[in-house]
Amino acid sequence: MIRPKHKKRIKLVLFFGIFLIIGFTLLLQALKENTQFFYNPSDIVKISFEPESETFRIGGIVKNGSVIRDKGIITKFNIEDFERQMTNDIVVVYEGVLPDLFREGQGVIVSGFIDNENTFYASEVFAKHDENYKPDIAYQD
C-alpha cells in the first residue's frame, strides 16, 4: 500500500517530468527551424541540386574582377568556393546597399533564391571578415 504522501510526490515528479520533456521537444523544434546553413557554389552547380526551401543561403568568396555595379544600387558579382581549387561559381544579383566589408576576394554569405539559369537573386548579403588578426604596424615606440 502506497502512502498518500508518496502518491502526491509521484504525481508531482511525473508532472514535472512530462513538462520537462515537452519543453525540451519544443526547444529542439525551434532550433531546427531557425538554424540555417549555407551551400557552396559547387553544390549549387550540380545537376540534381534541390534546396530544402525556396530561399536558402550560399557561402563563398567574391571572385576577383566580377563585381559590376548597375544603376547605383544593383550589383552583380560571382561567388566561388572557399577552396579556390574548384572552378564553379554562381552569378549573384543584389539590389541594395552592400556591407562595408564587402570586396573582391573576401568571404560572403548571401540569402535569397535561384532561378533556372543558375542566377541567384539575393535579398541579404553578409560580408565575412578575415579570421587572421593583423596588428596595426603604424603604431611603434
N, C-alpha and C. Protein backbone atom coordinates (compact mmCIF):
# COMPACT_ATOMS: atom_id res chain seq x y z
N MET A 1 0.83 -1.18 0.00
CA MET A 1 0.00 0.00 0.00
C MET A 1 0.88 1.25 0.00
N ILE A 2 0.55 2.18 -0.91
CA ILE A 2 1.32 3.42 -1.05
C ILE A 2 0.67 4.51 -0.21
N ARG A 3 1.51 5.18 0.54
CA ARG A 3 1.01 6.24 1.42
C ARG A 3 0.55 7.44 0.58
N PRO A 4 -0.40 8.20 1.06
CA PRO A 4 -0.89 9.38 0.33
C PRO A 4 0.21 10.40 0.05
N LYS A 5 1.16 10.52 0.99
CA LYS A 5 2.26 11.46 0.80
C LYS A 5 3.15 11.04 -0.38
N HIS A 6 3.38 9.73 -0.53
CA HIS A 6 4.18 9.21 -1.64
C HIS A 6 3.44 9.34 -2.96
N LYS A 7 2.12 9.15 -2.95
CA LYS A 7 1.32 9.32 -4.17
C LYS A 7 1.44 10.75 -4.69
N LYS A 8 1.40 11.69 -3.75
CA LYS A 8 1.50 13.09 -4.13
C LYS A 8 2.87 13.38 -4.75
N ARG A 9 3.93 12.82 -4.17
CA ARG A 9 5.27 13.01 -4.71
C ARG A 9 5.41 12.38 -6.10
N ILE A 10 4.86 11.19 -6.28
CA ILE A 10 4.93 10.51 -7.57
C ILE A 10 4.21 11.33 -8.64
N LYS A 11 3.04 11.86 -8.32
CA LYS A 11 2.30 12.69 -9.26
C LYS A 11 3.08 13.95 -9.61
N LEU A 12 3.71 14.55 -8.61
CA LEU A 12 4.50 15.76 -8.82
C LEU A 12 5.71 15.49 -9.71
N VAL A 13 6.41 14.38 -9.48
CA VAL A 13 7.56 14.01 -10.29
C VAL A 13 7.13 13.71 -11.72
N LEU A 14 6.04 13.00 -11.92
CA LEU A 14 5.53 12.71 -13.26
C LEU A 14 5.13 13.99 -14.00
N PHE A 15 4.46 14.90 -13.27
CA PHE A 15 4.05 16.16 -13.89
C PHE A 15 5.25 16.95 -14.37
N PHE A 16 6.26 17.13 -13.52
CA PHE A 16 7.45 17.89 -13.92
C PHE A 16 8.27 17.16 -14.98
N GLY A 17 8.27 15.84 -14.96
CA GLY A 17 8.96 15.06 -15.99
C GLY A 17 8.33 15.27 -17.35
N ILE A 18 7.00 15.20 -17.41
CA ILE A 18 6.29 15.43 -18.67
C ILE A 18 6.48 16.87 -19.14
N PHE A 19 6.41 17.81 -18.20
CA PHE A 19 6.61 19.22 -18.52
C PHE A 19 8.01 19.45 -19.08
N LEU A 20 9.02 18.83 -18.52
CA LEU A 20 10.39 18.95 -18.98
C LEU A 20 10.57 18.34 -20.37
N ILE A 21 9.98 17.20 -20.63
CA ILE A 21 10.08 16.55 -21.95
C ILE A 21 9.40 17.41 -23.02
N ILE A 22 8.24 17.96 -22.73
CA ILE A 22 7.54 18.82 -23.69
C ILE A 22 8.36 20.08 -23.97
N GLY A 23 8.91 20.69 -22.94
CA GLY A 23 9.72 21.89 -23.12
C GLY A 23 10.97 21.62 -23.95
N PHE A 24 11.64 20.50 -23.68
CA PHE A 24 12.84 20.14 -24.43
C PHE A 24 12.51 19.87 -25.89
N THR A 25 11.39 19.22 -26.15
CA THR A 25 10.95 18.94 -27.52
C THR A 25 10.66 20.24 -28.27
N LEU A 26 9.97 21.17 -27.63
CA LEU A 26 9.68 22.46 -28.26
C LEU A 26 10.97 23.25 -28.53
N LEU A 27 11.92 23.19 -27.62
CA LEU A 27 13.19 23.86 -27.81
C LEU A 27 13.95 23.30 -29.01
N LEU A 28 14.02 21.99 -29.14
CA LEU A 28 14.70 21.37 -30.27
C LEU A 28 14.01 21.71 -31.59
N GLN A 29 12.69 21.72 -31.59
CA GLN A 29 11.93 22.06 -32.80
C GLN A 29 12.21 23.50 -33.23
N ALA A 30 12.26 24.43 -32.28
CA ALA A 30 12.54 25.83 -32.60
C ALA A 30 13.95 25.99 -33.13
N LEU A 31 14.91 25.31 -32.56
CA LEU A 31 16.29 25.40 -33.04
C LEU A 31 16.42 24.81 -34.44
N LYS A 32 15.70 23.74 -34.71
CA LYS A 32 15.76 23.11 -36.03
C LYS A 32 15.22 24.04 -37.10
N GLU A 33 14.14 24.75 -36.81
CA GLU A 33 13.53 25.64 -37.79
C GLU A 33 14.36 26.90 -38.04
N ASN A 34 15.07 27.39 -37.03
CA ASN A 34 15.78 28.65 -37.15
C ASN A 34 17.24 28.50 -37.52
N THR A 35 17.75 27.30 -37.60
CA THR A 35 19.14 27.09 -37.97
C THR A 35 19.25 27.03 -39.48
N GLN A 36 20.08 27.90 -40.03
CA GLN A 36 20.29 27.91 -41.48
C GLN A 36 21.77 27.75 -41.77
N PHE A 37 22.06 26.77 -42.56
CA PHE A 37 23.42 26.57 -43.03
C PHE A 37 23.50 27.12 -44.45
N PHE A 38 24.66 27.10 -45.03
CA PHE A 38 24.77 27.58 -46.40
C PHE A 38 25.39 26.52 -47.28
N TYR A 39 25.09 26.62 -48.57
CA TYR A 39 25.62 25.72 -49.58
C TYR A 39 26.83 26.37 -50.24
N ASN A 40 27.73 25.56 -50.75
CA ASN A 40 28.85 26.04 -51.55
C ASN A 40 28.40 26.16 -53.00
N PRO A 41 29.02 27.05 -53.79
CA PRO A 41 28.65 27.16 -55.21
C PRO A 41 28.77 25.84 -55.97
N SER A 42 29.75 25.01 -55.62
CA SER A 42 29.88 23.72 -56.32
C SER A 42 28.69 22.80 -56.03
N ASP A 43 28.06 22.95 -54.84
CA ASP A 43 26.85 22.18 -54.54
C ASP A 43 25.68 22.64 -55.40
N ILE A 44 25.61 23.93 -55.67
CA ILE A 44 24.51 24.51 -56.45
C ILE A 44 24.62 24.11 -57.92
N VAL A 45 25.83 24.06 -58.45
CA VAL A 45 26.05 23.78 -59.87
C VAL A 45 25.69 22.34 -60.22
N LYS A 46 25.67 21.45 -59.24
CA LYS A 46 25.31 20.05 -59.51
C LYS A 46 23.95 19.98 -60.20
N ILE A 47 23.80 19.06 -61.10
CA ILE A 47 22.58 18.94 -61.89
C ILE A 47 21.37 18.60 -61.04
N SER A 48 21.54 17.76 -60.04
CA SER A 48 20.40 17.30 -59.24
C SER A 48 20.20 18.11 -57.97
N PHE A 49 20.64 19.38 -57.93
CA PHE A 49 20.51 20.19 -56.72
C PHE A 49 19.06 20.55 -56.47
N GLU A 50 18.58 20.27 -55.28
CA GLU A 50 17.24 20.64 -54.85
C GLU A 50 17.34 21.27 -53.47
N PRO A 51 17.12 22.59 -53.33
CA PRO A 51 17.18 23.20 -52.00
C PRO A 51 16.02 22.73 -51.13
N GLU A 52 16.22 22.80 -49.80
CA GLU A 52 15.17 22.37 -48.88
C GLU A 52 14.01 23.34 -48.84
N SER A 53 14.26 24.61 -49.17
CA SER A 53 13.19 25.61 -49.19
C SER A 53 13.43 26.55 -50.37
N GLU A 54 12.48 27.42 -50.62
CA GLU A 54 12.60 28.34 -51.75
C GLU A 54 13.75 29.32 -51.54
N THR A 55 13.90 29.82 -50.32
CA THR A 55 15.02 30.70 -50.02
C THR A 55 16.06 29.93 -49.21
N PHE A 56 17.31 30.15 -49.54
CA PHE A 56 18.40 29.47 -48.85
C PHE A 56 19.64 30.34 -48.94
N ARG A 57 20.75 29.85 -48.38
CA ARG A 57 21.99 30.63 -48.35
C ARG A 57 23.11 29.95 -49.13
N ILE A 58 23.94 30.79 -49.74
CA ILE A 58 25.14 30.33 -50.42
C ILE A 58 26.32 31.08 -49.80
N GLY A 59 27.39 30.36 -49.53
CA GLY A 59 28.58 30.98 -48.97
C GLY A 59 29.78 30.75 -49.86
N GLY A 60 30.64 31.73 -49.96
CA GLY A 60 31.84 31.60 -50.76
C GLY A 60 32.65 32.87 -50.76
N ILE A 61 33.52 33.00 -51.73
CA ILE A 61 34.38 34.16 -51.86
C ILE A 61 33.99 34.93 -53.12
N VAL A 62 33.95 36.25 -53.01
CA VAL A 62 33.64 37.09 -54.17
C VAL A 62 34.80 36.98 -55.15
N LYS A 63 34.49 36.56 -56.36
CA LYS A 63 35.51 36.33 -57.39
C LYS A 63 36.13 37.66 -57.80
N ASN A 64 37.46 37.68 -57.91
CA ASN A 64 38.18 38.89 -58.31
C ASN A 64 37.78 39.31 -59.73
N GLY A 65 37.49 40.60 -59.90
CA GLY A 65 37.13 41.14 -61.21
C GLY A 65 35.71 40.87 -61.64
N SER A 66 34.85 40.39 -60.73
CA SER A 66 33.49 40.03 -61.13
C SER A 66 32.43 41.03 -60.68
N VAL A 67 32.77 42.00 -59.86
CA VAL A 67 31.78 42.94 -59.33
C VAL A 67 31.42 43.98 -60.38
N ILE A 68 30.12 44.05 -60.71
CA ILE A 68 29.60 45.01 -61.68
C ILE A 68 28.46 45.77 -61.00
N ARG A 69 28.59 47.08 -60.93
CA ARG A 69 27.54 47.90 -60.30
C ARG A 69 26.68 48.51 -61.41
N ASP A 70 25.37 48.24 -61.33
CA ASP A 70 24.41 48.72 -62.32
C ASP A 70 23.49 49.74 -61.66
N LYS A 71 23.39 50.91 -62.20
CA LYS A 71 22.41 51.91 -61.77
C LYS A 71 22.46 52.18 -60.26
N GLY A 72 23.62 52.24 -59.70
CA GLY A 72 23.78 52.64 -58.30
C GLY A 72 23.64 51.53 -57.28
N ILE A 73 22.43 50.96 -57.12
CA ILE A 73 22.23 50.02 -56.03
C ILE A 73 22.09 48.57 -56.48
N ILE A 74 22.08 48.31 -57.78
CA ILE A 74 22.01 46.93 -58.26
C ILE A 74 23.44 46.46 -58.52
N THR A 75 23.81 45.37 -57.90
CA THR A 75 25.17 44.86 -58.03
C THR A 75 25.13 43.41 -58.49
N LYS A 76 26.00 43.08 -59.43
CA LYS A 76 26.18 41.69 -59.87
C LYS A 76 27.60 41.27 -59.53
N PHE A 77 27.74 40.05 -59.01
CA PHE A 77 29.06 39.53 -58.73
C PHE A 77 29.01 38.01 -58.73
N ASN A 78 30.15 37.39 -58.83
CA ASN A 78 30.25 35.93 -58.81
C ASN A 78 30.80 35.47 -57.47
N ILE A 79 30.29 34.34 -57.00
CA ILE A 79 30.80 33.72 -55.78
C ILE A 79 31.44 32.40 -56.18
N GLU A 80 32.67 32.17 -55.69
CA GLU A 80 33.34 30.90 -55.92
C GLU A 80 33.54 30.20 -54.57
N ASP A 81 33.92 28.93 -54.62
CA ASP A 81 34.10 28.14 -53.41
C ASP A 81 35.20 28.71 -52.52
N PHE A 82 35.10 28.41 -51.22
CA PHE A 82 36.15 28.81 -50.29
C PHE A 82 37.47 28.14 -50.66
N GLU A 83 37.40 26.88 -51.09
CA GLU A 83 38.59 26.20 -51.59
C GLU A 83 38.73 26.63 -53.05
N ARG A 84 39.66 27.46 -53.35
CA ARG A 84 39.74 28.07 -54.67
C ARG A 84 40.18 27.11 -55.76
N GLN A 85 40.39 25.84 -55.43
CA GLN A 85 40.73 24.88 -56.47
C GLN A 85 39.51 24.56 -57.34
N MET A 86 38.32 24.74 -56.77
CA MET A 86 37.09 24.47 -57.51
C MET A 86 36.83 25.64 -58.47
N THR A 87 36.38 25.34 -59.68
CA THR A 87 36.16 26.38 -60.68
C THR A 87 34.69 26.77 -60.80
N ASN A 88 33.84 26.21 -59.97
CA ASN A 88 32.42 26.53 -60.05
C ASN A 88 32.15 27.87 -59.38
N ASP A 89 31.34 28.69 -60.06
CA ASP A 89 30.92 29.92 -59.44
C ASP A 89 29.47 30.22 -59.82
N ILE A 90 28.83 31.06 -59.02
CA ILE A 90 27.42 31.40 -59.18
C ILE A 90 27.33 32.92 -59.37
N VAL A 91 26.50 33.36 -60.31
CA VAL A 91 26.24 34.79 -60.50
C VAL A 91 25.19 35.21 -59.49
N VAL A 92 25.49 36.28 -58.76
CA VAL A 92 24.57 36.80 -57.74
C VAL A 92 24.14 38.20 -58.14
N VAL A 93 22.84 38.47 -58.06
CA VAL A 93 22.29 39.79 -58.32
C VAL A 93 21.70 40.29 -57.00
N TYR A 94 22.13 41.48 -56.59
CA TYR A 94 21.66 42.05 -55.32
C TYR A 94 21.27 43.50 -55.53
N GLU A 95 20.10 43.86 -55.00
CA GLU A 95 19.64 45.24 -55.07
C GLU A 95 19.62 45.80 -53.66
N GLY A 96 20.50 46.74 -53.41
CA GLY A 96 20.58 47.34 -52.08
C GLY A 96 21.98 47.81 -51.78
N VAL A 97 22.16 48.31 -50.58
CA VAL A 97 23.46 48.80 -50.14
C VAL A 97 24.25 47.61 -49.60
N LEU A 98 25.47 47.46 -50.10
CA LEU A 98 26.33 46.36 -49.68
C LEU A 98 27.01 46.68 -48.35
N PRO A 99 27.34 45.66 -47.56
CA PRO A 99 28.04 45.90 -46.28
C PRO A 99 29.41 46.52 -46.50
N ASP A 100 29.92 47.19 -45.48
CA ASP A 100 31.23 47.86 -45.57
C ASP A 100 32.36 46.88 -45.85
N LEU A 101 32.29 45.67 -45.33
CA LEU A 101 33.35 44.69 -45.50
C LEU A 101 33.30 43.98 -46.85
N PHE A 102 32.30 44.27 -47.68
CA PHE A 102 32.17 43.60 -48.98
C PHE A 102 33.25 44.09 -49.92
N ARG A 103 34.01 43.15 -50.49
CA ARG A 103 35.01 43.45 -51.51
C ARG A 103 35.41 42.17 -52.21
N GLU A 104 36.08 42.31 -53.33
CA GLU A 104 36.54 41.15 -54.09
C GLU A 104 37.58 40.38 -53.28
N GLY A 105 37.51 39.06 -53.37
CA GLY A 105 38.44 38.21 -52.65
C GLY A 105 38.07 38.00 -51.20
N GLN A 106 36.95 38.55 -50.75
CA GLN A 106 36.50 38.44 -49.36
C GLN A 106 35.34 37.46 -49.27
N GLY A 107 35.18 36.80 -48.14
CA GLY A 107 34.10 35.84 -47.95
C GLY A 107 32.76 36.52 -47.76
N VAL A 108 31.71 35.94 -48.35
CA VAL A 108 30.34 36.44 -48.19
C VAL A 108 29.38 35.28 -48.04
N ILE A 109 28.25 35.56 -47.43
CA ILE A 109 27.13 34.64 -47.39
C ILE A 109 25.92 35.42 -47.88
N VAL A 110 25.24 34.89 -48.90
CA VAL A 110 24.08 35.57 -49.47
C VAL A 110 22.84 34.71 -49.25
N SER A 111 21.74 35.37 -48.97
CA SER A 111 20.47 34.69 -48.74
C SER A 111 19.49 35.13 -49.81
N GLY A 112 18.77 34.17 -50.41
CA GLY A 112 17.82 34.50 -51.46
C GLY A 112 17.33 33.26 -52.18
N PHE A 113 17.07 33.40 -53.49
CA PHE A 113 16.55 32.27 -54.28
C PHE A 113 17.29 32.21 -55.61
N ILE A 114 17.18 31.07 -56.27
CA ILE A 114 17.88 30.85 -57.54
C ILE A 114 16.85 30.61 -58.64
N ASP A 115 17.15 31.07 -59.86
CA ASP A 115 16.25 30.81 -60.99
C ASP A 115 16.79 29.65 -61.82
N ASN A 116 16.15 29.36 -62.93
CA ASN A 116 16.52 28.21 -63.76
C ASN A 116 17.87 28.38 -64.46
N GLU A 117 18.33 29.63 -64.66
CA GLU A 117 19.60 29.86 -65.35
C GLU A 117 20.78 29.94 -64.39
N ASN A 118 20.65 29.43 -63.17
CA ASN A 118 21.70 29.46 -62.15
C ASN A 118 22.12 30.89 -61.78
N THR A 119 21.17 31.82 -61.79
CA THR A 119 21.41 33.17 -61.28
C THR A 119 20.73 33.26 -59.93
N PHE A 120 21.49 33.68 -58.93
CA PHE A 120 20.99 33.76 -57.57
C PHE A 120 20.59 35.19 -57.27
N TYR A 121 19.34 35.41 -56.86
CA TYR A 121 18.84 36.73 -56.52
C TYR A 121 18.86 36.87 -55.00
N ALA A 122 19.78 37.68 -54.51
CA ALA A 122 20.00 37.80 -53.07
C ALA A 122 19.09 38.86 -52.46
N SER A 123 18.54 38.54 -51.31
CA SER A 123 17.78 39.52 -50.54
C SER A 123 18.63 40.07 -49.40
N GLU A 124 19.67 39.33 -49.00
CA GLU A 124 20.60 39.77 -47.96
C GLU A 124 22.02 39.37 -48.34
N VAL A 125 22.98 40.22 -48.01
CA VAL A 125 24.40 39.92 -48.21
C VAL A 125 25.11 40.14 -46.89
N PHE A 126 25.80 39.10 -46.42
CA PHE A 126 26.57 39.18 -45.19
C PHE A 126 28.04 39.06 -45.56
N ALA A 127 28.84 40.05 -45.23
CA ALA A 127 30.27 40.01 -45.52
C ALA A 127 30.99 39.41 -44.32
N LYS A 128 31.93 38.52 -44.61
CA LYS A 128 32.73 37.90 -43.56
C LYS A 128 34.10 38.55 -43.52
N HIS A 129 34.58 38.79 -42.31
CA HIS A 129 35.92 39.35 -42.19
C HIS A 129 36.94 38.22 -42.13
N ASP A 130 38.17 38.57 -42.36
CA ASP A 130 39.27 37.61 -42.32
C ASP A 130 39.50 37.16 -40.88
N GLU A 131 39.76 35.88 -40.67
CA GLU A 131 39.98 35.35 -39.33
C GLU A 131 41.37 35.65 -38.81
N ASN A 132 42.27 36.07 -39.67
CA ASN A 132 43.65 36.33 -39.26
C ASN A 132 43.77 37.75 -38.73
N TYR A 133 44.29 37.87 -37.51
CA TYR A 133 44.49 39.19 -36.90
C TYR A 133 45.78 39.79 -37.42
N LYS A 134 45.71 41.02 -37.89
CA LYS A 134 46.89 41.73 -38.38
C LYS A 134 47.01 43.03 -37.58
N PRO A 135 48.00 43.14 -36.71
CA PRO A 135 48.13 44.35 -35.90
C PRO A 135 48.50 45.56 -36.76
N ASP A 136 48.10 46.72 -36.28
CA ASP A 136 48.43 47.96 -36.97
C ASP A 136 49.91 48.25 -36.77
N ILE A 137 50.67 48.27 -37.86
CA ILE A 137 52.11 48.43 -37.78
C ILE A 137 52.48 49.90 -37.66
N ALA A 138 51.57 50.81 -37.93
CA ALA A 138 51.87 52.24 -37.90
C ALA A 138 52.23 52.70 -36.48
N TYR A 139 51.71 52.04 -35.46
CA TYR A 139 52.00 52.42 -34.09
C TYR A 139 53.22 51.69 -33.58
N GLN A 140 54.32 52.41 -33.41
CA GLN A 140 55.54 51.81 -32.88
C GLN A 140 56.18 52.81 -31.93
N ASP A 141 56.81 52.32 -30.89
CA ASP A 141 57.54 53.18 -29.94
C ASP A 141 58.93 53.41 -30.39
